[in-house]
Each structure stands twice: as structure tokens, then as C-alpha cells.
Amino acid sequence: MGSFSIWHWLIVLVVIILIFGTTKLKNLGKDLGGAVKGFKEGMKDAAADATGSTDAQKVEDSKRVAGQTIDVQAKEKS
């Protein structure tokens, strides 16, 4: 832990919690976790493309993405 003792780190942690609050820190953790998960999935997809994944797998992936998309048309209120 460098030249700081555990007490120094605990004081820094308490100050950070007092400044930002637990809600913002929890949201930051969720966002960071989602970003890491997305990065890992992207790396896995890139590796699959580099090795030549099958066409059936690509169709399945496109259906999964298309199933999550909502297509709407806006109409002007009269």
C-alpha cells in the first residue's frame, strides 16, 4: 500500500463517501461494470470474427439485437 497505513486509506475513503455519497458511488460502480462487460463482449466478438464464426451464429446475434430494438413512428398531434 505504499507509504500510507490502513488508517490513512480509511480516512480517504470516509472523505470520498462524504463528498460523493453512496448513491453516486453505487451508480459509478454499475456504469464501470457495464463498460467492462461491454468491452469483454466486444473483444469476444472480435475474436470470433477473426477466427471465422459461422453464418448461423451471426444471424442469431442479429436476431438478438433486433429483438431488443423498438421501432416507432411519431405522429403529429392534431
N, C-alpha and C. Protein backbone atom coordinates (compact mmCIF):
# COMPACT_ATOMS: atom_id res chain seq x y z
N MET A 1 0.82 -1.19 0.00
CA MET A 1 0.00 0.00 0.00
C MET A 1 0.86 1.26 0.00
N GLY A 2 2.09 1.15 -0.28
CA GLY A 2 2.93 2.34 -0.32
C GLY A 2 3.32 2.79 1.06
N SER A 3 3.50 4.07 1.20
CA SER A 3 3.94 4.61 2.47
C SER A 3 2.78 4.95 3.42
N PHE A 4 1.55 4.78 2.95
CA PHE A 4 0.39 5.09 3.78
C PHE A 4 -0.06 3.85 4.55
N SER A 5 -0.52 4.06 5.76
CA SER A 5 -1.03 2.95 6.56
C SER A 5 -2.52 2.75 6.24
N ILE A 6 -3.10 1.74 6.83
CA ILE A 6 -4.51 1.44 6.61
C ILE A 6 -5.39 2.58 7.12
N TRP A 7 -4.97 3.26 8.15
CA TRP A 7 -5.76 4.37 8.71
C TRP A 7 -5.84 5.54 7.73
N HIS A 8 -4.76 5.80 7.03
CA HIS A 8 -4.80 6.87 6.02
C HIS A 8 -5.82 6.54 4.93
N TRP A 9 -5.81 5.30 4.47
CA TRP A 9 -6.74 4.90 3.41
C TRP A 9 -8.18 4.92 3.90
N LEU A 10 -8.42 4.55 5.15
CA LEU A 10 -9.78 4.60 5.69
C LEU A 10 -10.29 6.04 5.78
N ILE A 11 -9.43 6.96 6.17
CA ILE A 11 -9.82 8.37 6.24
C ILE A 11 -10.13 8.90 4.83
N VAL A 12 -9.33 8.54 3.86
CA VAL A 12 -9.59 8.95 2.48
C VAL A 12 -10.93 8.38 2.00
N LEU A 13 -11.21 7.14 2.31
CA LEU A 13 -12.46 6.51 1.93
C LEU A 13 -13.66 7.22 2.56
N VAL A 14 -13.57 7.57 3.83
CA VAL A 14 -14.65 8.28 4.51
C VAL A 14 -14.88 9.65 3.88
N VAL A 15 -13.81 10.35 3.55
CA VAL A 15 -13.95 11.67 2.93
C VAL A 15 -14.61 11.55 1.56
N ILE A 16 -14.23 10.55 0.77
CA ILE A 16 -14.84 10.34 -0.55
C ILE A 16 -16.32 10.03 -0.42
N ILE A 17 -16.68 9.20 0.55
CA ILE A 17 -18.10 8.88 0.76
C ILE A 17 -18.86 10.12 1.20
N LEU A 18 -18.27 10.95 2.03
CA LEU A 18 -18.95 12.17 2.46
C LEU A 18 -19.13 13.16 1.31
N ILE A 19 -18.16 13.23 0.42
CA ILE A 19 -18.24 14.18 -0.69
C ILE A 19 -19.24 13.70 -1.74
N PHE A 20 -19.14 12.45 -2.19
CA PHE A 20 -19.95 11.98 -3.31
C PHE A 20 -21.23 11.29 -2.88
N GLY A 21 -21.27 10.71 -1.71
CA GLY A 21 -22.45 9.97 -1.28
C GLY A 21 -22.45 8.56 -1.83
N THR A 22 -23.15 7.70 -1.16
CA THR A 22 -23.14 6.29 -1.55
C THR A 22 -23.91 6.04 -2.84
N THR A 23 -24.94 6.84 -3.12
CA THR A 23 -25.73 6.62 -4.33
C THR A 23 -24.92 6.87 -5.58
N LYS A 24 -24.17 7.96 -5.61
CA LYS A 24 -23.35 8.26 -6.78
C LYS A 24 -22.25 7.23 -6.94
N LEU A 25 -21.67 6.78 -5.83
CA LEU A 25 -20.62 5.77 -5.91
C LEU A 25 -21.17 4.44 -6.42
N LYS A 26 -22.41 4.10 -6.00
CA LYS A 26 -23.03 2.86 -6.47
C LYS A 26 -23.32 2.94 -7.97
N ASN A 27 -23.82 4.09 -8.42
CA ASN A 27 -24.08 4.27 -9.86
C ASN A 27 -22.79 4.24 -10.65
N LEU A 28 -21.75 4.81 -10.12
CA LEU A 28 -20.45 4.78 -10.79
C LEU A 28 -19.95 3.35 -10.93
N GLY A 29 -20.14 2.55 -9.89
CA GLY A 29 -19.74 1.15 -9.94
C GLY A 29 -20.53 0.37 -10.98
N LYS A 30 -21.84 0.63 -11.08
CA LYS A 30 -22.66 -0.05 -12.09
C LYS A 30 -22.22 0.34 -13.49
N ASP A 31 -21.97 1.64 -13.70
CA ASP A 31 -21.54 2.10 -15.03
C ASP A 31 -20.19 1.50 -15.41
N LEU A 32 -19.28 1.46 -14.47
CA LEU A 32 -17.97 0.89 -14.73
C LEU A 32 -18.07 -0.60 -15.03
N GLY A 33 -18.89 -1.31 -14.28
CA GLY A 33 -19.10 -2.74 -14.52
C GLY A 33 -19.72 -3.00 -15.88
N GLY A 34 -20.69 -2.17 -16.28
CA GLY A 34 -21.31 -2.32 -17.59
C GLY A 34 -20.32 -2.06 -18.72
N ALA A 35 -19.45 -1.07 -18.51
CA ALA A 35 -18.44 -0.77 -19.53
C ALA A 35 -17.45 -1.92 -19.68
N VAL A 36 -17.04 -2.51 -18.58
CA VAL A 36 -16.12 -3.64 -18.63
C VAL A 36 -16.78 -4.83 -19.30
N LYS A 37 -18.05 -5.07 -18.98
CA LYS A 37 -18.78 -6.18 -19.60
C LYS A 37 -18.91 -5.97 -21.11
N GLY A 38 -19.24 -4.75 -21.52
CA GLY A 38 -19.34 -4.44 -22.94
C GLY A 38 -18.01 -4.60 -23.66
N PHE A 39 -16.94 -4.20 -23.00
CA PHE A 39 -15.61 -4.35 -23.59
C PHE A 39 -15.27 -5.81 -23.78
N LYS A 40 -15.55 -6.64 -22.78
CA LYS A 40 -15.26 -8.07 -22.88
C LYS A 40 -16.07 -8.72 -24.00
N GLU A 41 -17.36 -8.34 -24.12
CA GLU A 41 -18.18 -8.89 -25.20
C GLU A 41 -17.65 -8.45 -26.56
N GLY A 42 -17.21 -7.22 -26.67
CA GLY A 42 -16.65 -6.74 -27.92
C GLY A 42 -15.38 -7.47 -28.29
N MET A 43 -14.54 -7.73 -27.32
CA MET A 43 -13.31 -8.47 -27.58
C MET A 43 -13.64 -9.91 -27.99
N LYS A 44 -14.64 -10.51 -27.35
CA LYS A 44 -15.05 -11.87 -27.69
C LYS A 44 -15.61 -11.92 -29.12
N ASP A 45 -16.42 -10.93 -29.48
CA ASP A 45 -16.98 -10.87 -30.84
C ASP A 45 -15.87 -10.66 -31.87
N ALA A 46 -14.91 -9.81 -31.55
CA ALA A 46 -13.80 -9.56 -32.49
C ALA A 46 -12.97 -10.82 -32.67
N ALA A 47 -12.76 -11.56 -31.60
CA ALA A 47 -12.00 -12.80 -31.70
C ALA A 47 -12.78 -13.83 -32.52
N ALA A 48 -14.10 -13.88 -32.36
CA ALA A 48 -14.93 -14.81 -33.13
C ALA A 48 -14.90 -14.43 -34.61
N ASP A 49 -14.93 -13.14 -34.92
CA ASP A 49 -14.87 -12.70 -36.31
C ASP A 49 -13.51 -13.01 -36.92
N ALA A 50 -12.47 -12.89 -36.14
CA ALA A 50 -11.12 -13.16 -36.64
C ALA A 50 -10.93 -14.65 -36.93
N THR A 51 -11.59 -15.50 -36.14
CA THR A 51 -11.45 -16.94 -36.37
C THR A 51 -12.44 -17.46 -37.39
N GLY A 52 -13.37 -16.61 -37.82
CA GLY A 52 -14.35 -17.01 -38.84
C GLY A 52 -15.56 -17.69 -38.25
N SER A 53 -16.37 -16.95 -37.53
CA SER A 53 -17.57 -17.54 -36.94
C SER A 53 -18.57 -17.90 -38.03
N THR A 54 -19.48 -18.80 -37.71
CA THR A 54 -20.42 -19.30 -38.69
C THR A 54 -21.50 -18.27 -39.00
N ASP A 55 -22.12 -18.42 -40.18
CA ASP A 55 -23.20 -17.51 -40.57
C ASP A 55 -24.41 -17.66 -39.66
N ALA A 56 -24.68 -18.86 -39.18
CA ALA A 56 -25.82 -19.09 -38.29
C ALA A 56 -25.65 -18.32 -36.99
N GLN A 57 -24.43 -18.26 -36.50
CA GLN A 57 -24.18 -17.52 -35.27
C GLN A 57 -24.39 -16.02 -35.51
N LYS A 58 -23.99 -15.51 -36.67
CA LYS A 58 -24.18 -14.10 -36.98
C LYS A 58 -25.66 -13.77 -37.10
N VAL A 59 -26.46 -14.66 -37.70
CA VAL A 59 -27.90 -14.45 -37.82
C VAL A 59 -28.54 -14.45 -36.43
N GLU A 60 -28.11 -15.38 -35.59
CA GLU A 60 -28.63 -15.45 -34.23
C GLU A 60 -28.32 -14.17 -33.46
N ASP A 61 -27.11 -13.66 -33.61
CA ASP A 61 -26.73 -12.42 -32.94
C ASP A 61 -27.55 -11.24 -33.46
N SER A 62 -27.82 -11.19 -34.77
CA SER A 62 -28.60 -10.09 -35.31
C SER A 62 -30.05 -10.16 -34.85
N LYS A 63 -30.58 -11.37 -34.68
CA LYS A 63 -31.94 -11.50 -34.16
C LYS A 63 -32.02 -11.04 -32.72
N ARG A 64 -30.99 -11.33 -31.95
CA ARG A 64 -30.98 -10.92 -30.55
C ARG A 64 -30.99 -9.41 -30.46
N VAL A 65 -30.20 -8.75 -31.27
CA VAL A 65 -30.15 -7.29 -31.25
C VAL A 65 -31.45 -6.71 -31.77
N ALA A 66 -31.99 -7.29 -32.86
CA ALA A 66 -33.23 -6.80 -33.44
C ALA A 66 -34.39 -7.01 -32.48
N GLY A 67 -34.36 -8.04 -31.68
CA GLY A 67 -35.42 -8.28 -30.71
C GLY A 67 -35.44 -7.25 -29.61
N GLN A 68 -34.35 -6.55 -29.39
CA GLN A 68 -34.29 -5.55 -28.33
C GLN A 68 -34.58 -4.15 -28.85
N THR A 69 -34.74 -4.00 -30.16
CA THR A 69 -34.96 -2.69 -30.74
C THR A 69 -36.46 -2.43 -30.88
N ILE A 70 -36.89 -1.23 -30.54
CA ILE A 70 -38.28 -0.85 -30.67
C ILE A 70 -38.36 0.18 -31.79
N ASP A 71 -39.16 -0.12 -32.81
CA ASP A 71 -39.30 0.77 -33.96
C ASP A 71 -40.66 1.45 -33.85
N VAL A 72 -40.66 2.77 -33.77
CA VAL A 72 -41.89 3.53 -33.64
C VAL A 72 -41.93 4.64 -34.68
N GLN A 73 -43.12 5.13 -34.93
CA GLN A 73 -43.28 6.24 -35.86
C GLN A 73 -43.99 7.36 -35.12
N ALA A 74 -43.41 8.54 -35.15
CA ALA A 74 -44.01 9.69 -34.47
C ALA A 74 -45.07 10.32 -35.35
N LYS A 75 -46.21 10.65 -34.77
CA LYS A 75 -47.28 11.31 -35.50
C LYS A 75 -47.53 12.67 -34.85
N GLU A 76 -47.83 13.63 -35.70
CA GLU A 76 -48.09 14.99 -35.19
C GLU A 76 -49.47 15.03 -34.57
N LYS A 77 -49.57 15.66 -33.42
CA LYS A 77 -50.83 15.76 -32.71
C LYS A 77 -51.70 16.81 -33.41
N SER A 78 -52.97 16.48 -33.67
CA SER A 78 -53.82 17.47 -34.35
C SER A 78 -54.68 18.25 -33.40
